[in-house]
Amino acid sequence: MIVGLLLTYIVSMLLLSKLAVGAGISKAIGLGLAYIFIAHVLVRDERIWLPTPLRWMLAFIAVSLTGGFFAPDKVGFLGGTLTLVQLFGFGLILVNLAGDPRVLRLTERTVVFTLLVAVILAAVGFDFSPSARLGGVFVNANAYALALFFGCALCIKEVVSATSLTKRLLWAAPLLPFLYHIFLTGSRKGLLAVPIFLVLFLMLGIGRFHNRRVAWSVALIGALLAVLVLRFEPTALKRMAAVADVFTSGDINMVQEKSLRFRCGFAAAAIAIWKDYPVFGAGTDQFRNLVLEKDPSLQSTYSHNNYVELLANNGLVGFILWYGAYVSLLCRLWFRSKVCADRQRSMQMVAYCALLVTVMVLEVAWVTYSDKLFWLMFTMGIASTRTGSGVRPGKDPLVREASVNRGGGG
């Protein structure tokens, strides 16, 4: 029952949480999941698995509370902190349930199936005019593109690690509609994410599977990308060229696209805020309240860059703790993939390793710390490293798992 509720919540999170009508439904399902999980732990007297990456995240949330003393907008600070606590609770539930490899694979398939439904809904209600940008049920085009990128990553993983042609074709089938809709969004992050992930995944996993499988996968995915690039060159590649202008001109004022100029201005304002609050930051979600003090020509919103957003809101201490969680998870994924006796599970961990590195690249234009999709990706990656599921006896290179009793012991 509880696994079914977890999967239902993930479906509602992807399909409903951005819609005015569906947001309340998604929250209600999430609240029910939390209550049932607590009851599940109490009744069965089970231990809660608290792996090291989540401990780093917990420390980040605790330290971010310190910034509340300096926050100019206490209400906004409390709202941002509550969001972080809720996301952490969801992540904790997911890693404890999806630590079972069967549940994790079911979760991955649920994500892909849900995104296929999102593609169908977007196709039904979208005006395919050249000037339009597709957002679908995610409303925001960038959010939709990043969700589809996650679906592409899961499909690519399965295509590369599948043991039969039938399975490869089955998992390759969603790639075409996913890639097609990414191009319709016009999202630079989405356009960059898929090839970055593909290259990283194949590089990191080159010794884990047969060369013929790699060649077949690269040929298939490369052909799909080539067809889509040629089809959408007048619209999608123009946005990619605008990014290149930033580097070739050397002057942000020479860049024609307004959104890029704004993003560079946001980054400069965030650095200025960080200098005012260097240690613990101005407080969670406070950048939007301080940005106009630094540059009145900007907008009161987030910085569009996770690195400078964390520095401004949570200071150097929060920045170190947040990315300490990343380093911890990358080490777990990489080392455990090397000693895992199950080839498919090894490839699964390599895929999540490549996914996290891709996310770190995208974070120059994506604020992830309060993003539900990021927490879904991150905690699924943690779940794939659960001890005792495929690791060769005596070969675990990492320290003993961090576990706590429901009473706080251990």
Protein backbone atom coordinates (compact mmCIF):
# COMPACT_ATOMS: atom_id res chain seq x y z
CA MET A 1 0.00 0.00 0.00
CA ILE A 2 2.68 2.49 1.02
CA VAL A 3 4.70 1.88 -2.19
CA GLY A 4 1.55 2.46 -4.24
CA LEU A 5 0.95 5.73 -2.39
CA LEU A 6 4.56 6.79 -3.03
CA LEU A 7 4.15 6.15 -6.76
CA THR A 8 0.80 7.98 -6.75
CA TYR A 9 2.44 10.98 -5.13
CA ILE A 10 5.22 10.99 -7.74
CA VAL A 11 2.61 10.90 -10.51
CA SER A 12 0.68 13.77 -8.91
CA MET A 13 3.92 15.72 -8.36
CA LEU A 14 4.82 15.49 -12.04
CA LEU A 15 1.34 15.98 -13.51
CA LEU A 16 -0.61 18.11 -11.02
CA SER A 17 1.64 20.15 -8.71
CA LYS A 18 2.10 23.04 -11.19
CA LEU A 19 -1.63 23.36 -11.86
CA ALA A 20 -3.87 25.46 -9.63
CA VAL A 21 -6.50 22.73 -9.36
CA GLY A 22 -4.08 19.84 -8.91
CA ALA A 23 -1.62 21.39 -6.44
CA GLY A 24 -3.95 20.81 -3.48
CA ILE A 25 -4.52 17.20 -4.52
CA SER A 26 -0.78 16.59 -4.75
CA LYS A 27 -0.19 18.12 -1.31
CA ALA A 28 -2.96 15.98 0.21
CA ILE A 29 -1.42 12.81 -1.24
CA GLY A 30 2.00 13.85 0.06
CA LEU A 31 0.61 14.47 3.54
CA GLY A 32 -1.10 11.08 3.53
CA LEU A 33 2.15 9.45 2.44
CA ALA A 34 4.02 11.06 5.35
CA TYR A 35 1.45 9.88 7.93
CA ILE A 36 1.35 6.33 6.57
CA PHE A 37 5.15 6.14 6.45
CA ILE A 38 5.39 7.19 10.11
CA ALA A 39 2.76 4.61 11.05
CA HIS A 40 4.59 2.01 8.95
CA VAL A 41 7.84 2.64 10.85
CA LEU A 42 6.14 2.64 14.27
CA VAL A 43 4.12 -0.53 13.71
CA ARG A 44 6.98 -2.55 12.23
CA ASP A 45 9.58 -1.12 14.62
CA GLU A 46 11.91 -0.58 11.67
CA ARG A 47 15.01 1.57 11.44
CA ILE A 48 14.97 4.68 9.29
CA TRP A 49 17.83 4.62 6.81
CA LEU A 50 19.61 7.99 6.90
CA PRO A 51 22.49 7.77 4.39
CA THR A 52 25.38 10.23 4.42
CA PRO A 53 24.16 12.44 1.52
CA LEU A 54 20.88 13.04 3.35
CA ARG A 55 22.79 13.81 6.53
CA TRP A 56 24.59 16.55 4.65
CA MET A 57 21.22 17.85 3.47
CA LEU A 58 19.85 17.75 7.01
CA ALA A 59 22.86 19.74 8.22
CA PHE A 60 22.25 22.23 5.41
CA ILE A 61 18.64 22.77 6.54
CA ALA A 62 19.74 23.14 10.18
CA VAL A 63 22.41 25.71 9.31
CA SER A 64 20.04 27.58 6.99
CA LEU A 65 17.89 28.30 10.03
CA THR A 66 20.71 30.51 11.28
CA GLY A 67 20.16 32.79 8.31
CA GLY A 68 16.68 33.47 9.62
CA PHE A 69 18.12 35.88 12.17
CA PHE A 70 19.24 38.11 9.28
CA ALA A 71 16.30 37.55 6.92
CA PRO A 72 14.56 40.82 5.99
CA ASP A 73 11.38 38.89 5.10
CA LYS A 74 10.65 36.50 7.97
CA VAL A 75 7.48 35.15 6.35
CA GLY A 76 9.29 34.33 3.11
CA PHE A 77 12.11 32.76 5.08
CA LEU A 78 9.74 30.51 7.03
CA GLY A 79 7.93 29.52 3.81
CA GLY A 80 11.21 28.64 2.08
CA THR A 81 12.43 26.67 5.08
CA LEU A 82 9.14 24.76 5.32
CA THR A 83 9.48 23.83 1.64
CA LEU A 84 12.97 22.46 2.30
CA VAL A 85 11.73 20.42 5.28
CA GLN A 86 8.90 18.97 3.19
CA LEU A 87 11.26 18.05 0.35
CA PHE A 88 13.66 16.44 2.79
CA GLY A 89 10.80 14.41 4.27
CA PHE A 90 9.79 13.23 0.79
CA GLY A 91 13.41 12.31 0.03
CA LEU A 92 13.74 10.38 3.29
CA ILE A 93 10.60 8.37 2.53
CA LEU A 94 11.72 7.65 -1.04
CA VAL A 95 15.21 6.38 -0.14
CA ASN A 96 13.77 4.10 2.54
CA LEU A 97 11.16 2.59 0.25
CA ALA A 98 13.05 2.62 -3.07
CA GLY A 99 16.17 1.18 -1.41
CA ASP A 100 14.61 -2.10 -2.53
CA PRO A 101 15.86 -2.50 -6.15
CA ARG A 102 12.43 -3.73 -7.28
CA VAL A 103 10.73 -0.62 -5.90
CA LEU A 104 13.36 1.64 -7.48
CA ARG A 105 12.86 0.07 -10.90
CA LEU A 106 9.10 0.42 -10.48
CA THR A 107 9.64 4.08 -9.55
CA GLU A 108 11.75 4.65 -12.68
CA ARG A 109 9.08 3.09 -14.88
CA THR A 110 6.40 5.18 -13.19
CA VAL A 111 8.37 8.36 -13.96
CA VAL A 112 8.74 7.41 -17.64
CA PHE A 113 5.06 6.42 -17.97
CA THR A 114 3.92 9.64 -16.26
CA LEU A 115 6.06 11.75 -18.59
CA LEU A 116 4.55 9.94 -21.58
CA VAL A 117 1.12 10.95 -20.26
CA ALA A 118 2.40 14.53 -19.88
CA VAL A 119 3.59 14.46 -23.51
CA ILE A 120 0.16 13.31 -24.70
CA LEU A 121 -1.62 16.00 -22.66
CA ALA A 122 0.77 18.67 -23.96
CA ALA A 123 0.33 17.54 -27.56
CA VAL A 124 -3.45 17.68 -27.28
CA GLY A 125 -3.56 21.22 -25.90
CA PHE A 126 -0.58 22.92 -27.53
CA ASP A 127 -0.54 25.33 -30.47
CA PHE A 128 2.40 24.18 -32.59
CA SER A 129 3.19 27.64 -33.96
CA PRO A 130 6.89 28.49 -34.47
CA SER A 131 6.85 31.27 -31.84
CA ALA A 132 5.26 29.24 -29.06
CA ARG A 133 7.20 27.47 -26.31
CA LEU A 134 5.73 24.26 -24.96
CA GLY A 135 5.14 24.01 -21.22
CA GLY A 136 2.39 21.41 -20.95
CA VAL A 137 1.16 20.48 -17.49
CA PHE A 138 4.41 21.91 -16.09
CA VAL A 139 3.31 25.36 -17.33
CA ASN A 140 6.94 26.51 -17.42
CA ALA A 141 8.83 25.43 -20.57
CA ASN A 142 12.14 24.97 -18.76
CA ALA A 143 10.57 22.79 -16.04
CA TYR A 144 8.91 20.64 -18.70
CA ALA A 145 12.16 20.26 -20.65
CA LEU A 146 14.11 19.22 -17.53
CA ALA A 147 11.48 16.64 -16.58
CA LEU A 148 11.64 15.21 -20.10
CA PHE A 149 15.44 15.16 -19.85
CA PHE A 150 15.11 12.98 -16.74
CA GLY A 151 12.83 10.67 -18.70
CA CYS A 152 15.40 10.55 -21.53
CA ALA A 153 18.17 9.71 -19.05
CA LEU A 154 16.17 6.80 -17.61
CA CYS A 155 15.39 5.50 -21.11
CA ILE A 156 19.00 5.84 -22.28
CA LYS A 157 20.15 3.89 -19.22
CA GLU A 158 17.77 1.07 -20.03
CA VAL A 159 18.61 1.06 -23.76
CA VAL A 160 22.33 0.77 -23.03
CA SER A 161 22.03 -1.86 -20.28
CA ALA A 162 19.20 -3.96 -21.78
CA THR A 163 20.01 -7.59 -22.52
CA SER A 164 17.73 -8.06 -25.52
CA LEU A 165 16.80 -6.16 -28.67
CA THR A 166 13.13 -6.16 -27.69
CA LYS A 167 13.85 -4.39 -24.42
CA ARG A 168 16.10 -1.89 -26.15
CA LEU A 169 13.41 -1.02 -28.67
CA LEU A 170 10.79 -0.78 -25.92
CA TRP A 171 12.88 1.71 -23.94
CA ALA A 172 14.01 3.59 -27.05
CA ALA A 173 10.39 4.25 -28.10
CA PRO A 174 9.73 7.11 -25.59
CA LEU A 175 12.94 8.89 -26.61
CA LEU A 176 11.49 10.32 -29.82
CA PRO A 177 8.45 12.08 -28.26
CA PHE A 178 10.57 13.20 -25.29
CA LEU A 179 13.26 14.73 -27.52
CA TYR A 180 10.68 16.20 -29.86
CA HIS A 181 8.97 18.03 -27.01
CA ILE A 182 12.28 19.20 -25.54
CA PHE A 183 12.95 20.97 -28.81
CA LEU A 184 9.45 22.44 -28.79
CA THR A 185 10.14 23.98 -25.37
CA GLY A 186 13.11 25.91 -26.77
CA SER A 187 14.82 25.36 -23.41
CA ARG A 188 18.60 25.71 -23.55
CA LYS A 189 18.94 23.59 -20.41
CA GLY A 190 16.91 20.79 -21.95
CA LEU A 191 18.80 21.00 -25.23
CA LEU A 192 22.17 20.79 -23.47
CA ALA A 193 21.22 18.23 -20.84
CA VAL A 194 20.59 15.19 -23.06
CA PRO A 195 23.89 15.23 -25.00
CA ILE A 196 25.89 16.05 -21.85
CA PHE A 197 24.33 13.12 -20.00
CA LEU A 198 24.77 10.78 -22.96
CA VAL A 199 28.49 11.55 -23.29
CA LEU A 200 29.11 11.28 -19.53
CA PHE A 201 27.16 8.04 -19.20
CA LEU A 202 28.99 6.35 -22.04
CA MET A 203 32.38 7.60 -20.84
CA LEU A 204 31.84 6.49 -17.24
CA GLY A 205 30.32 3.16 -18.19
CA ILE A 206 32.55 2.24 -21.11
CA GLY A 207 34.08 -0.72 -19.30
CA ARG A 208 30.79 -2.01 -17.89
CA PHE A 209 29.07 -3.23 -21.05
CA HIS A 210 29.79 -4.69 -24.48
CA ASN A 211 31.08 -2.35 -27.20
CA ARG A 212 28.41 -3.47 -29.66
CA ARG A 213 25.74 -2.34 -27.24
CA VAL A 214 27.41 1.05 -26.87
CA ALA A 215 27.79 1.51 -30.62
CA TRP A 216 24.15 0.57 -31.22
CA SER A 217 22.92 2.96 -28.55
CA VAL A 218 25.07 5.86 -29.69
CA ALA A 219 23.98 5.36 -33.30
CA LEU A 220 20.29 5.29 -32.34
CA ILE A 221 20.31 8.26 -30.00
CA GLY A 222 22.70 10.25 -32.19
CA ALA A 223 20.45 9.74 -35.21
CA LEU A 224 17.41 10.94 -33.25
CA LEU A 225 19.24 14.04 -32.08
CA ALA A 226 20.52 14.79 -35.60
CA VAL A 227 17.02 14.57 -37.08
CA LEU A 228 15.58 16.87 -34.41
CA VAL A 229 18.40 19.41 -34.68
CA LEU A 230 17.95 19.65 -38.43
CA ARG A 231 14.18 19.94 -38.03
CA PHE A 232 14.28 22.74 -35.45
CA GLU A 233 17.47 24.58 -36.40
CA PRO A 234 15.71 27.93 -37.08
CA THR A 235 14.23 28.12 -33.55
CA ALA A 236 16.08 25.91 -31.08
CA LEU A 237 19.63 26.55 -32.28
CA LYS A 238 19.09 30.30 -32.24
CA ARG A 239 18.70 30.12 -28.48
CA MET A 240 21.87 28.03 -28.23
CA ALA A 241 23.72 30.62 -30.32
CA ALA A 242 22.69 33.33 -27.87
CA VAL A 243 24.60 31.51 -25.12
CA ALA A 244 27.69 31.42 -27.33
CA ASP A 245 27.41 35.19 -27.82
CA VAL A 246 28.12 35.72 -24.12
CA PHE A 247 31.52 34.08 -24.48
CA THR A 248 32.47 35.46 -27.90
CA SER A 249 31.52 39.11 -27.23
CA GLY A 250 33.05 39.32 -23.76
CA ASP A 251 30.46 41.97 -22.90
CA ILE A 252 27.01 41.08 -21.62
CA ASN A 253 25.64 44.40 -22.92
CA MET A 254 26.45 43.26 -26.46
CA VAL A 255 24.22 40.20 -26.09
CA GLN A 256 20.92 40.65 -27.89
CA GLU A 257 18.77 38.33 -25.80
CA LYS A 258 17.17 40.02 -22.81
CA SER A 259 16.91 36.90 -20.61
CA LEU A 260 20.67 36.30 -20.74
CA ARG A 261 21.41 39.89 -19.71
CA PHE A 262 19.01 39.52 -16.79
CA ARG A 263 20.64 36.28 -15.64
CA CYS A 264 24.10 37.83 -15.61
CA GLY A 265 22.68 40.75 -13.64
CA PHE A 266 21.11 38.35 -11.15
CA ALA A 267 24.47 36.61 -10.65
CA ALA A 268 26.25 39.91 -9.97
CA ALA A 269 23.53 40.92 -7.49
CA ALA A 270 23.74 37.56 -5.71
CA ILE A 271 27.50 37.92 -5.25
CA ALA A 272 26.97 41.42 -3.83
CA ILE A 273 24.37 40.05 -1.35
CA TRP A 274 26.73 37.25 -0.34
CA LYS A 275 29.43 39.79 0.48
CA ASP A 276 26.98 41.41 2.93
CA TYR A 277 26.14 38.03 4.55
CA PRO A 278 29.23 35.87 3.88
CA VAL A 279 28.98 33.12 6.51
CA PHE A 280 25.34 32.05 6.90
CA GLY A 281 23.72 34.07 4.14
CA ALA A 282 20.68 36.34 4.18
CA GLY A 283 18.27 33.45 4.80
CA THR A 284 16.43 30.92 2.68
CA ASP A 285 14.57 32.46 -0.28
CA GLN A 286 15.77 35.98 0.55
CA PHE A 287 17.55 36.75 -2.73
CA ARG A 288 14.26 37.84 -4.31
CA ASN A 289 13.75 40.39 -1.51
CA LEU A 290 17.24 41.90 -1.71
CA VAL A 291 18.00 41.84 -5.43
CA LEU A 292 16.31 45.18 -6.17
CA GLU A 293 18.47 46.87 -3.54
CA LYS A 294 21.53 45.85 -5.52
CA ASP A 295 20.14 46.53 -8.99
CA PRO A 296 16.71 48.23 -9.40
CA SER A 297 16.67 47.34 -13.11
CA LEU A 298 16.22 43.63 -12.30
CA GLN A 299 13.12 41.70 -11.20
CA SER A 300 12.18 40.43 -7.75
CA THR A 301 12.66 36.71 -8.41
CA TYR A 302 15.20 33.93 -7.93
CA SER A 303 18.70 34.17 -9.41
CA HIS A 304 18.42 31.37 -12.04
CA ASN A 305 21.78 30.04 -10.76
CA ASN A 306 21.97 27.55 -7.90
CA TYR A 307 25.58 28.36 -7.01
CA VAL A 308 25.11 32.09 -6.41
CA GLU A 309 21.59 31.58 -5.00
CA LEU A 310 23.00 29.33 -2.27
CA LEU A 311 25.81 31.79 -1.50
CA ALA A 312 23.36 34.69 -1.19
CA ASN A 313 20.71 32.82 0.79
CA ASN A 314 22.75 30.35 2.84
CA GLY A 315 26.29 31.71 2.84
CA LEU A 316 29.56 29.86 2.49
CA VAL A 317 28.64 27.34 5.21
CA GLY A 318 25.38 26.40 3.49
CA PHE A 319 27.13 26.22 0.11
CA ILE A 320 29.73 23.77 1.45
CA LEU A 321 27.11 21.58 3.13
CA TRP A 322 24.88 21.46 0.04
CA TYR A 323 27.64 20.46 -2.33
CA GLY A 324 29.13 18.17 0.29
CA ALA A 325 25.98 16.10 -0.22
CA TYR A 326 26.72 15.97 -3.94
CA VAL A 327 30.31 14.83 -3.40
CA SER A 328 29.13 12.22 -0.91
CA LEU A 329 26.59 10.80 -3.36
CA LEU A 330 29.01 10.87 -6.31
CA CYS A 331 31.52 8.85 -4.27
CA ARG A 332 28.85 6.33 -3.25
CA LEU A 333 27.60 5.91 -6.79
CA TRP A 334 31.01 5.58 -8.40
CA PHE A 335 32.71 3.25 -5.92
CA ARG A 336 29.69 1.02 -5.39
CA SER A 337 29.10 0.71 -9.11
CA LYS A 338 32.64 -0.68 -9.42
CA VAL A 339 32.10 -3.42 -6.83
CA CYS A 340 28.48 -4.29 -7.62
CA ALA A 341 28.04 -7.91 -8.71
CA ASP A 342 24.85 -7.15 -10.65
CA ARG A 343 25.76 -5.62 -14.04
CA GLN A 344 22.40 -3.86 -14.48
CA ARG A 345 22.52 -2.33 -11.01
CA SER A 346 26.10 -1.23 -11.65
CA MET A 347 24.97 0.54 -14.82
CA GLN A 348 22.08 2.06 -12.89
CA MET A 349 24.51 3.68 -10.43
CA VAL A 350 26.74 4.89 -13.28
CA ALA A 351 23.68 6.50 -14.87
CA TYR A 352 22.76 8.36 -11.68
CA CYS A 353 26.40 9.45 -11.35
CA ALA A 354 26.29 10.91 -14.88
CA LEU A 355 22.88 12.44 -14.11
CA LEU A 356 24.17 14.27 -11.02
CA VAL A 357 27.21 15.65 -12.86
CA THR A 358 24.87 16.84 -15.63
CA VAL A 359 22.70 18.56 -13.04
CA MET A 360 25.78 20.32 -11.63
CA VAL A 361 26.51 21.69 -15.11
CA LEU A 362 22.91 22.83 -15.54
CA GLU A 363 22.88 24.56 -12.15
CA VAL A 364 24.58 27.60 -13.66
CA ALA A 365 21.06 28.29 -14.97
CA TRP A 366 18.85 26.20 -12.65
CA VAL A 367 18.02 26.71 -8.96
CA THR A 368 17.65 23.16 -7.63
CA TYR A 369 17.68 23.30 -3.84
CA SER A 370 13.92 23.88 -3.65
CA ASP A 371 12.98 22.00 -6.83
CA LYS A 372 10.84 18.85 -6.52
CA LEU A 373 12.23 17.31 -9.70
CA PHE A 374 15.79 17.67 -8.43
CA TRP A 375 14.94 16.03 -5.11
CA LEU A 376 13.30 13.17 -7.00
CA MET A 377 16.45 12.64 -9.10
CA PHE A 378 18.81 13.01 -6.16
CA THR A 379 17.02 10.65 -3.78
CA MET A 380 16.48 8.01 -6.47
CA GLY A 381 20.25 8.14 -6.95
CA ILE A 382 20.76 7.60 -3.22
CA ALA A 383 18.30 4.69 -3.23
CA SER A 384 20.31 2.94 -5.96
CA THR A 385 23.28 2.66 -3.56
CA ARG A 386 21.47 0.84 -0.75
CA THR A 387 23.83 -1.53 1.07
CA GLY A 388 23.25 -5.26 0.78
CA SER A 389 21.75 -5.15 -2.72
CA GLY A 390 24.31 -6.46 -5.14
CA VAL A 391 27.62 -5.42 -3.56
CA ARG A 392 30.21 -8.20 -3.51
CA PRO A 393 30.92 -9.41 0.06
CA GLY A 394 33.92 -7.66 1.58
CA LYS A 395 34.23 -5.22 -1.33
CA ASP A 396 32.31 -2.21 -0.01
CA PRO A 397 34.89 0.64 0.02
CA LEU A 398 32.72 3.06 1.96
CA VAL A 399 32.22 3.48 5.65
CA ARG A 400 29.40 1.86 7.56
CA GLU A 401 25.93 3.10 6.70
CA ALA A 402 24.50 5.84 8.89
CA SER A 403 21.25 4.60 10.39
CA VAL A 404 19.08 5.93 13.15
CA ASN A 405 16.38 4.27 15.18
CA ARG A 406 12.98 5.82 15.10
CA GLY A 407 13.77 6.99 18.62
CA GLY A 408 16.93 8.78 17.46
CA GLY A 409 19.48 6.18 18.50
CA GLY A 410 22.34 4.65 16.50
